[in-house]
Amino acid sequence: MSDNEQIVVGLDIGSTKVCAVVASIDEQEQVHILGVGKAQSDGLNRGVVVNIDKTVNAIRTAVEQAELASGIEVNSVNVGIAGDHIRSIRSKGVITINNKDKEITIRDVERLLEDCQRIMLPPDQQIIHVIPQEFVVDGQDGISDPVGMSGMRMEAEVHIITGLVSAAKNIYRCVERAGYQVADIILEPLASSYAVLDKEEKEAGVVLVDIGGGTTDLAVFQDNTIRHTAVIAIAGKKVTDDIRVGLSVLDDQAEKLKHKHGECFVDLIEDDETITVPGIAGRPPKEITKSILAKIIQARMEEIMEIVAIEVKRSGYAETLSAGLVLTGGGSLIKNVCPLANEVLGMDAKIGRPLGLAGGLIDEVNSPIYATGVGLVIHALEAGTSGTEAMVPTSSKGSGVEKVMNQITDRMKSWFKEL
């Protein structure tokens, strides 16, 4: 490994699985997947830690698997955060440029973004991300990076994402107890977008829907910027629960039925075969048809899509999303999910798998379930927050706004470290 090669670890702590991805970036800025680890997780509920010990064990198992595959010792990780406590707010700020030659500096952008953060928040909520939408200099709008421009007055509109302090602290605590440091905490739909969306889609307008175990995460992009985020508390686990209750089977039987025979569009079933389900505790086995199973799954998946449609409408960008819908996460693996999404939302839908990887274990992560894990490492490599000595310093990377964003991220990290 060369001296200037960067190593980064992404840790996706989900409600049904914990997944760790070790990656490196070479001198040509290409990402190589070096190791992947996965462990079953039942210490979270709807994206929030409910059992510290179970979560710690799952983190340890997943990271140790990734260490074994990559041959690299992991010290720090970039963690995803989700959960229905996540909120997004739009905010505006304005400052005057007071240096002699009226040239906008990084410090001015920093002052402006700080001004945008002056919002009233409940005491239990804290800011996780501040994402600039656009800058306006002396009335000229549509500016993405104002550093170096001349002007007297600068305004900005930002997208602020907030989360529950206790939820972030519990994630932080679990990672520390497992023996690792947190290099950064990143919103999961934002992380997934780095892995499965390309620049053209973000430019044209796209909705990313990550259907996980406990939550469905949503992000709307337009003109290369995230415009709206939401976390919906209905996802794959609810589908399993419906099967369990509807067919009177055990939880793991319901999960197997969903994976092996599950479809979510009854009209598209080609062969309505009969499925035999083992009876509970010596009772005789039951027989059900594929269409009955599909009806149960379709009802819940339609509900998820309808809530997604409401959120897309709320974003104000429903009419301009030319690239349609990208579905990712484990829930997107249910057969015929794209036609169902198309039917409910009236948008073209496709499955999003991690793209833009140069080498390593590409085939191993070529699945929607690894979208967040791969996205976490890509985000960390781009933002310069690996937490390892091999990293290029943040100050040497990115545009003026990106540098300011990274500085703000560093300062924000302090709030969940105050244990």
Protein backbone atom coordinates (compact mmCIF):
# COMPACT_ATOMS: atom_id res chain seq x y z
CA MET A 1 0.00 0.00 0.00
CA SER A 2 1.40 3.41 -0.95
CA ASP A 3 2.00 6.07 1.71
CA ASN A 4 -0.61 8.43 0.36
CA GLU A 5 -3.34 5.81 -0.09
CA GLN A 6 -6.40 6.61 1.98
CA ILE A 7 -8.25 3.94 3.91
CA VAL A 8 -11.83 4.54 5.03
CA VAL A 9 -14.43 2.43 6.85
CA GLY A 10 -18.19 2.89 6.46
CA LEU A 11 -20.48 1.44 9.12
CA ASP A 12 -24.18 1.11 8.32
CA ILE A 13 -25.96 0.32 11.60
CA GLY A 14 -29.40 -0.80 10.47
CA SER A 15 -32.47 -2.26 12.17
CA THR A 16 -31.98 -5.71 10.61
CA LYS A 17 -28.27 -5.77 9.75
CA VAL A 18 -24.98 -4.04 10.53
CA CYS A 19 -22.70 -3.76 7.52
CA ALA A 20 -19.06 -2.61 7.49
CA VAL A 21 -17.18 -1.66 4.31
CA VAL A 22 -13.41 -1.04 4.18
CA ALA A 23 -12.28 0.88 1.09
CA SER A 24 -9.25 2.70 -0.24
CA ILE A 25 -8.77 5.46 -2.79
CA ASP A 26 -5.77 5.40 -5.10
CA GLU A 27 -3.82 8.28 -6.67
CA GLN A 28 -6.32 8.46 -9.56
CA GLU A 29 -9.10 8.99 -6.95
CA GLN A 30 -10.69 5.62 -7.73
CA VAL A 31 -12.41 3.66 -4.96
CA HIS A 32 -11.42 0.05 -4.24
CA ILE A 33 -13.49 -2.13 -1.89
CA LEU A 34 -11.02 -4.05 0.32
CA GLY A 35 -13.29 -5.79 2.80
CA VAL A 36 -16.97 -6.28 3.64
CA GLY A 37 -18.56 -7.56 6.84
CA LYS A 38 -22.21 -8.19 7.71
CA ALA A 39 -23.91 -9.16 10.96
CA GLN A 40 -27.53 -9.63 11.95
CA SER A 41 -28.82 -6.78 14.09
CA ASP A 42 -31.74 -6.75 16.46
CA GLY A 43 -30.57 -4.02 18.83
CA LEU A 44 -32.32 -1.25 16.88
CA ASN A 45 -35.93 -0.34 16.32
CA ARG A 46 -36.85 1.98 13.42
CA GLY A 47 -33.24 3.13 13.14
CA VAL A 48 -32.82 3.97 16.85
CA VAL A 49 -30.69 1.96 19.32
CA VAL A 50 -32.88 0.11 21.83
CA ASN A 51 -30.34 -2.44 23.09
CA ILE A 52 -26.74 -1.29 23.51
CA ASP A 53 -25.18 -4.75 24.08
CA LYS A 54 -26.77 -6.39 21.03
CA THR A 55 -25.78 -3.43 18.84
CA VAL A 56 -22.18 -3.47 20.15
CA ASN A 57 -21.87 -7.20 19.39
CA ALA A 58 -23.26 -6.75 15.86
CA ILE A 59 -20.86 -3.84 15.17
CA ARG A 60 -17.91 -5.88 16.43
CA THR A 61 -18.87 -8.94 14.32
CA ALA A 62 -19.34 -6.90 11.12
CA VAL A 63 -16.12 -4.88 11.51
CA GLU A 64 -14.06 -7.98 12.41
CA GLN A 65 -15.32 -9.71 9.24
CA ALA A 66 -14.33 -6.67 7.17
CA GLU A 67 -10.91 -6.56 8.91
CA LEU A 68 -10.35 -10.23 8.11
CA ALA A 69 -11.27 -9.77 4.44
CA SER A 70 -9.13 -6.64 4.01
CA GLY A 71 -6.19 -7.47 6.29
CA ILE A 72 -6.44 -3.94 7.71
CA GLU A 73 -6.90 -3.04 11.37
CA VAL A 74 -9.84 -0.67 11.82
CA ASN A 75 -9.56 2.22 14.28
CA SER A 76 -12.22 4.69 13.22
CA VAL A 77 -15.46 4.44 11.27
CA ASN A 78 -17.89 6.72 9.41
CA VAL A 79 -21.37 5.96 10.73
CA GLY A 80 -24.80 6.45 9.18
CA ILE A 81 -27.73 7.87 11.15
CA ALA A 82 -31.43 7.42 10.34
CA GLY A 83 -34.63 7.05 12.34
CA ASP A 84 -38.00 8.82 12.32
CA HIS A 85 -36.60 11.52 14.64
CA ILE A 86 -34.77 13.06 11.65
CA ARG A 87 -36.23 16.41 10.57
CA SER A 88 -35.34 18.77 7.75
CA ILE A 89 -35.81 22.55 7.77
CA ARG A 90 -35.15 25.28 5.24
CA SER A 91 -33.43 28.37 6.51
CA LYS A 92 -32.08 31.65 5.07
CA GLY A 93 -29.30 33.97 6.16
CA VAL A 94 -27.72 37.23 5.02
CA ILE A 95 -24.42 39.03 5.75
CA THR A 96 -22.51 42.06 4.43
CA ILE A 97 -19.00 41.78 2.99
CA ASN A 98 -16.82 44.18 4.95
CA ASN A 99 -13.25 43.65 3.72
CA LYS A 100 -11.51 46.39 1.73
CA ASP A 101 -11.70 44.93 -1.80
CA LYS A 102 -15.19 43.41 -1.24
CA GLU A 103 -13.95 39.94 -2.27
CA ILE A 104 -15.87 37.03 -0.73
CA THR A 105 -13.63 34.74 1.33
CA ILE A 106 -14.09 31.32 2.92
CA ARG A 107 -14.52 33.11 6.27
CA ASP A 108 -17.49 35.08 4.82
CA VAL A 109 -19.19 31.86 3.65
CA GLU A 110 -18.59 30.41 7.10
CA ARG A 111 -20.18 33.48 8.74
CA LEU A 112 -23.18 33.22 6.42
CA LEU A 113 -23.74 29.51 7.09
CA GLU A 114 -23.47 30.20 10.82
CA ASP A 115 -26.13 32.91 10.41
CA CYS A 116 -28.40 30.37 8.65
CA GLN A 117 -28.11 28.07 11.68
CA ARG A 118 -29.73 30.59 14.01
CA ILE A 119 -32.99 28.70 14.23
CA MET A 120 -35.08 27.73 17.23
CA LEU A 121 -34.66 24.01 17.91
CA PRO A 122 -36.21 21.89 20.65
CA PRO A 123 -33.56 21.17 23.35
CA ASP A 124 -33.43 17.48 22.42
CA GLN A 125 -32.63 18.16 18.71
CA GLN A 126 -29.26 19.09 17.20
CA ILE A 127 -28.06 19.98 13.71
CA ILE A 128 -26.44 17.07 11.82
CA HIS A 129 -25.94 18.62 8.36
CA VAL A 130 -26.13 22.10 6.84
CA ILE A 131 -26.41 21.81 3.05
CA PRO A 132 -26.30 25.06 1.01
CA GLN A 133 -29.02 25.22 -1.67
CA GLU A 134 -27.81 28.38 -3.39
CA PHE A 135 -26.05 31.67 -2.73
CA VAL A 136 -27.21 35.14 -3.80
CA VAL A 137 -24.58 37.89 -4.20
CA ASP A 138 -25.94 41.45 -4.62
CA GLY A 139 -29.23 40.08 -5.97
CA GLN A 140 -27.57 37.66 -8.42
CA ASP A 141 -28.95 34.21 -7.65
CA GLY A 142 -28.06 30.67 -8.75
CA ILE A 143 -24.49 30.80 -7.39
CA SER A 144 -23.12 27.50 -6.04
CA ASP A 145 -19.66 28.68 -4.86
CA PRO A 146 -19.29 32.41 -4.20
CA VAL A 147 -15.67 32.32 -2.90
CA GLY A 148 -13.51 34.77 -4.88
CA MET A 149 -16.47 36.78 -6.23
CA SER A 150 -16.93 40.49 -5.51
CA GLY A 151 -20.00 41.76 -3.72
CA MET A 152 -21.36 43.76 -0.80
CA ARG A 153 -24.27 41.60 0.35
CA MET A 154 -24.48 37.81 0.35
CA GLU A 155 -27.51 35.64 1.10
CA ALA A 156 -27.93 31.87 1.26
CA GLU A 157 -30.71 29.35 1.44
CA VAL A 158 -29.74 26.15 3.25
CA HIS A 159 -31.26 22.74 3.97
CA ILE A 160 -30.72 21.92 7.65
CA ILE A 161 -31.06 18.33 8.85
CA THR A 162 -31.57 17.79 12.57
CA GLY A 163 -31.70 14.67 14.72
CA LEU A 164 -32.29 13.60 18.30
CA VAL A 165 -29.23 14.20 20.47
CA SER A 166 -29.80 10.98 22.44
CA ALA A 167 -30.11 8.87 19.24
CA ALA A 168 -26.76 10.15 17.92
CA LYS A 169 -25.10 9.75 21.32
CA ASN A 170 -26.32 6.16 21.61
CA ILE A 171 -24.89 5.31 18.18
CA TYR A 172 -21.64 6.98 19.20
CA ARG A 173 -21.62 5.06 22.49
CA CYS A 174 -22.17 1.69 20.77
CA VAL A 175 -19.30 2.30 18.32
CA GLU A 176 -16.95 3.38 21.15
CA ARG A 177 -17.92 0.41 23.29
CA ALA A 178 -17.17 -1.89 20.36
CA GLY A 179 -13.63 -0.44 20.40
CA TYR A 180 -13.70 2.07 17.51
CA GLN A 181 -13.78 5.85 17.11
CA VAL A 182 -16.40 7.80 15.17
CA ALA A 183 -14.72 9.80 12.39
CA ASP A 184 -18.03 11.28 11.21
CA ILE A 185 -21.79 10.81 11.44
CA ILE A 186 -23.72 11.08 8.15
CA LEU A 187 -27.42 10.99 7.29
CA GLU A 188 -28.09 7.61 5.64
CA PRO A 189 -30.11 8.75 2.59
CA LEU A 190 -27.36 11.28 1.88
CA ALA A 191 -24.74 8.51 2.13
CA SER A 192 -26.75 6.15 -0.11
CA SER A 193 -27.00 8.87 -2.76
CA TYR A 194 -23.19 8.92 -3.12
CA ALA A 195 -23.22 5.22 -3.98
CA VAL A 196 -26.22 4.80 -6.29
CA LEU A 197 -26.91 8.12 -8.03
CA ASP A 198 -24.81 9.54 -10.84
CA LYS A 199 -24.30 13.25 -11.57
CA GLU A 200 -26.77 13.28 -14.48
CA GLU A 201 -29.58 11.98 -12.26
CA LYS A 202 -28.87 14.55 -9.54
CA GLU A 203 -28.79 17.29 -12.19
CA ALA A 204 -32.04 16.24 -13.91
CA GLY A 205 -33.95 15.65 -10.66
CA VAL A 206 -34.40 12.31 -8.91
CA VAL A 207 -35.98 10.76 -5.82
CA LEU A 208 -33.85 8.27 -3.91
CA VAL A 209 -35.87 5.84 -1.77
CA ASP A 210 -33.86 3.54 0.51
CA ILE A 211 -36.21 0.85 1.88
CA GLY A 212 -34.37 -0.60 4.86
CA GLY A 213 -35.50 -2.88 7.67
CA GLY A 214 -36.74 -0.30 10.15
CA THR A 215 -37.04 2.90 8.13
CA THR A 216 -37.53 4.07 4.56
CA ASP A 217 -35.19 6.99 3.84
CA LEU A 218 -35.99 9.48 1.13
CA ALA A 219 -33.97 12.22 -0.56
CA VAL A 220 -34.97 14.52 -3.44
CA PHE A 221 -32.21 15.93 -5.66
CA GLN A 222 -32.40 18.70 -8.26
CA ASP A 223 -29.58 20.70 -9.90
CA ASN A 224 -26.93 18.57 -8.14
CA THR A 225 -28.20 19.55 -4.68
CA ILE A 226 -30.26 17.71 -2.09
CA ARG A 227 -33.57 19.57 -1.84
CA HIS A 228 -35.66 17.51 0.58
CA THR A 229 -35.09 14.65 3.03
CA ALA A 230 -37.47 12.50 5.04
CA VAL A 231 -37.35 9.33 7.11
CA ILE A 232 -40.49 7.17 7.09
CA ALA A 233 -41.02 4.72 9.97
CA ILE A 234 -42.48 1.97 7.74
CA ALA A 235 -40.14 -0.43 5.95
CA GLY A 236 -39.19 -4.09 5.38
CA LYS A 237 -39.76 -5.17 9.00
CA LYS A 238 -43.41 -4.09 8.80
CA VAL A 239 -43.84 -6.23 5.65
CA THR A 240 -42.46 -9.24 7.58
CA ASP A 241 -44.79 -8.48 10.52
CA ASP A 242 -47.79 -8.38 8.16
CA ILE A 243 -46.86 -11.80 6.73
CA ARG A 244 -46.36 -13.19 10.24
CA VAL A 245 -49.78 -11.98 11.44
CA GLY A 246 -51.65 -12.56 8.17
CA LEU A 247 -50.47 -16.16 7.73
CA SER A 248 -50.01 -17.04 11.46
CA VAL A 249 -46.38 -18.07 11.04
CA LEU A 250 -43.18 -17.46 13.00
CA ASP A 251 -41.06 -14.38 12.41
CA ASP A 252 -38.19 -16.21 10.69
CA GLN A 253 -40.67 -18.18 8.52
CA ALA A 254 -42.27 -14.88 7.45
CA GLU A 255 -38.82 -13.48 6.57
CA LYS A 256 -38.00 -16.59 4.49
CA LEU A 257 -41.35 -16.41 2.66
CA LYS A 258 -40.73 -12.75 1.85
CA HIS A 259 -37.24 -13.42 0.47
CA LYS A 260 -37.96 -16.66 -1.38
CA HIS A 261 -41.49 -16.22 -2.71
CA GLY A 262 -42.33 -12.55 -2.08
CA GLU A 263 -43.75 -10.39 -4.87
CA CYS A 264 -45.41 -7.02 -4.48
CA PHE A 265 -47.65 -6.77 -7.54
CA VAL A 266 -50.42 -9.40 -7.64
CA ASP A 267 -51.37 -8.60 -11.28
CA LEU A 268 -47.86 -9.52 -12.49
CA ILE A 269 -47.70 -13.00 -10.93
CA GLU A 270 -47.06 -15.47 -13.77
CA ASP A 271 -47.24 -18.77 -11.90
CA ASP A 272 -49.56 -18.78 -8.88
CA GLU A 273 -47.89 -21.75 -7.23
CA THR A 274 -48.79 -23.23 -3.86
CA ILE A 275 -46.32 -22.75 -1.00
CA THR A 276 -46.17 -25.14 1.97
CA VAL A 277 -45.54 -23.47 5.33
CA PRO A 278 -44.42 -25.69 8.26
CA GLY A 279 -46.84 -25.76 11.19
CA ILE A 280 -45.87 -24.28 14.57
CA ALA A 281 -44.90 -26.72 17.39
CA GLY A 282 -45.93 -29.95 15.68
CA ARG A 283 -49.12 -28.62 14.09
CA PRO A 284 -49.79 -29.73 10.49
CA PRO A 285 -48.24 -27.64 7.71
CA LYS A 286 -50.36 -25.05 5.89
CA GLU A 287 -50.63 -24.38 2.20
CA ILE A 288 -50.95 -20.88 0.77
CA THR A 289 -50.78 -19.51 -2.77
CA LYS A 290 -48.23 -17.01 -4.02
CA SER A 291 -51.00 -14.50 -4.79
CA ILE A 292 -52.20 -14.46 -1.14
CA LEU A 293 -48.64 -13.72 0.00
CA ALA A 294 -48.32 -11.03 -2.69
CA LYS A 295 -51.57 -9.34 -1.58
CA ILE A 296 -50.20 -8.99 1.97
CA ILE A 297 -46.86 -7.59 0.72
CA GLN A 298 -48.46 -5.31 -1.88
CA ALA A 299 -50.74 -3.59 0.67
CA ARG A 300 -47.79 -2.52 2.83
CA MET A 301 -45.48 -1.63 -0.08
CA GLU A 302 -48.25 0.51 -1.60
CA GLU A 303 -48.54 2.35 1.72
CA ILE A 304 -44.78 3.07 1.69
CA MET A 305 -45.00 4.35 -1.91
CA GLU A 306 -48.01 6.55 -1.07
CA ILE A 307 -46.12 8.19 1.81
CA VAL A 308 -43.14 8.67 -0.55
CA ALA A 309 -45.54 10.40 -3.00
CA ILE A 310 -46.73 12.75 -0.22
CA GLU A 311 -43.11 13.63 0.68
CA VAL A 312 -42.21 14.24 -2.98
CA LYS A 313 -45.19 16.60 -3.27
CA ARG A 314 -44.15 18.34 -0.05
CA SER A 315 -40.68 18.94 -1.49
CA GLY A 316 -42.19 21.15 -4.21
CA TYR A 317 -40.19 19.39 -6.95
CA ALA A 318 -42.75 16.73 -7.97
CA GLU A 319 -43.20 18.13 -11.50
CA THR A 320 -39.49 18.50 -12.36
CA LEU A 321 -37.93 15.13 -11.47
CA SER A 322 -36.93 13.98 -14.96
CA ALA A 323 -34.81 11.01 -13.76
CA GLY A 324 -37.72 9.54 -11.79
CA LEU A 325 -37.18 7.22 -8.85
CA VAL A 326 -34.22 5.14 -7.70
CA LEU A 327 -35.04 2.37 -5.20
CA THR A 328 -32.34 0.88 -3.00
CA GLY A 329 -31.94 -0.92 0.34
CA GLY A 330 -33.02 -4.49 1.13
CA GLY A 331 -36.72 -3.74 0.57
CA SER A 332 -36.05 -2.93 -3.09
CA LEU A 333 -35.16 -6.61 -3.69
CA ILE A 334 -38.81 -7.71 -3.50
CA LYS A 335 -39.87 -8.80 -6.97
CA ASN A 336 -41.77 -6.26 -9.14
CA VAL A 337 -41.17 -3.34 -6.78
CA CYS A 338 -40.37 -1.05 -9.75
CA PRO A 339 -43.70 -1.60 -11.59
CA LEU A 340 -45.53 -1.00 -8.29
CA ALA A 341 -43.63 2.26 -7.67
CA ASN A 342 -44.37 3.29 -11.24
CA GLU A 343 -48.07 2.60 -10.74
CA VAL A 344 -48.35 4.51 -7.42
CA LEU A 345 -46.05 7.47 -8.15
CA GLY A 346 -46.40 7.70 -11.93
CA MET A 347 -42.59 7.84 -12.27
CA ASP A 348 -40.00 5.66 -13.96
CA ALA A 349 -38.36 3.52 -11.28
CA LYS A 350 -35.13 1.53 -11.25
CA ILE A 351 -33.10 -0.40 -8.67
CA GLY A 352 -29.99 1.43 -7.44
CA ARG A 353 -26.80 -0.57 -6.88
CA PRO A 354 -23.41 0.89 -5.85
CA LEU A 355 -21.68 2.39 -8.91
CA GLY A 356 -18.37 4.04 -9.75
CA LEU A 357 -16.17 1.49 -7.95
CA ALA A 358 -12.80 0.76 -9.53
CA GLY A 359 -11.75 -2.54 -8.01
CA GLY A 360 -11.61 -4.95 -5.10
CA LEU A 361 -14.74 -6.75 -3.92
CA ILE A 362 -17.07 -5.10 -6.45
CA ASP A 363 -19.25 -8.20 -6.94
CA GLU A 364 -19.62 -8.65 -3.17
CA VAL A 365 -21.16 -5.18 -2.75
CA ASN A 366 -23.19 -5.21 -5.99
CA SER A 367 -26.50 -5.22 -4.15
CA PRO A 368 -28.91 -2.52 -2.91
CA ILE A 369 -28.32 -3.70 0.69
CA TYR A 370 -24.77 -2.29 0.57
CA ALA A 371 -25.78 1.12 -0.83
CA THR A 372 -25.46 2.95 2.50
CA GLY A 373 -22.20 1.22 3.54
CA VAL A 374 -20.50 2.00 0.21
CA GLY A 375 -21.97 5.51 0.20
CA LEU A 376 -20.50 6.20 3.66
CA VAL A 377 -16.97 5.43 2.43
CA ILE A 378 -17.40 7.47 -0.77
CA HIS A 379 -18.70 10.45 1.26
CA ALA A 380 -15.81 10.16 3.72
CA LEU A 381 -13.23 9.96 0.93
CA GLU A 382 -14.70 13.03 -0.77
CA ALA A 383 -15.08 15.03 2.44
CA GLY A 384 -11.71 13.98 3.90
CA THR A 385 -13.00 12.52 7.19
CA SER A 386 -11.39 9.10 7.37
CA GLY A 387 -9.83 9.59 10.76
CA THR A 388 -6.64 7.82 9.58
CA GLU A 389 -3.15 9.27 9.22
CA ALA A 390 -3.08 8.31 5.54
CA MET A 391 -5.75 10.90 4.68
CA VAL A 392 -5.07 14.02 2.63
CA PRO A 393 -5.78 17.00 4.93
CA THR A 394 -9.24 18.53 4.42
CA SER A 395 -7.77 21.96 3.65
CA SER A 396 -6.14 20.68 0.48
CA LYS A 397 -9.35 19.33 -1.03
CA GLY A 398 -12.49 20.71 -2.63
CA SER A 399 -13.97 24.10 -3.44
CA GLY A 400 -14.37 27.00 -1.01
CA VAL A 401 -17.86 25.91 0.05
CA GLU A 402 -16.75 22.28 0.51
CA LYS A 403 -13.89 23.39 2.78
CA VAL A 404 -16.29 25.42 4.90
CA MET A 405 -18.73 22.48 5.03
CA ASN A 406 -15.94 20.22 6.28
CA GLN A 407 -14.94 22.76 8.97
CA ILE A 408 -18.58 22.97 10.11
CA THR A 409 -18.75 19.16 10.19
CA ASP A 410 -15.68 19.10 12.46
CA ARG A 411 -17.30 21.55 14.83
CA MET A 412 -20.61 19.67 14.83
CA LYS A 413 -18.91 16.43 15.77
CA SER A 414 -18.18 17.93 19.19
CA TRP A 415 -21.86 17.90 20.24
CA PHE A 416 -22.20 14.13 20.30
CA LYS A 417 -18.73 13.67 21.83
CA GLU A 418 -19.78 15.46 25.01
CA LEU A 419 -20.69 12.25 26.81
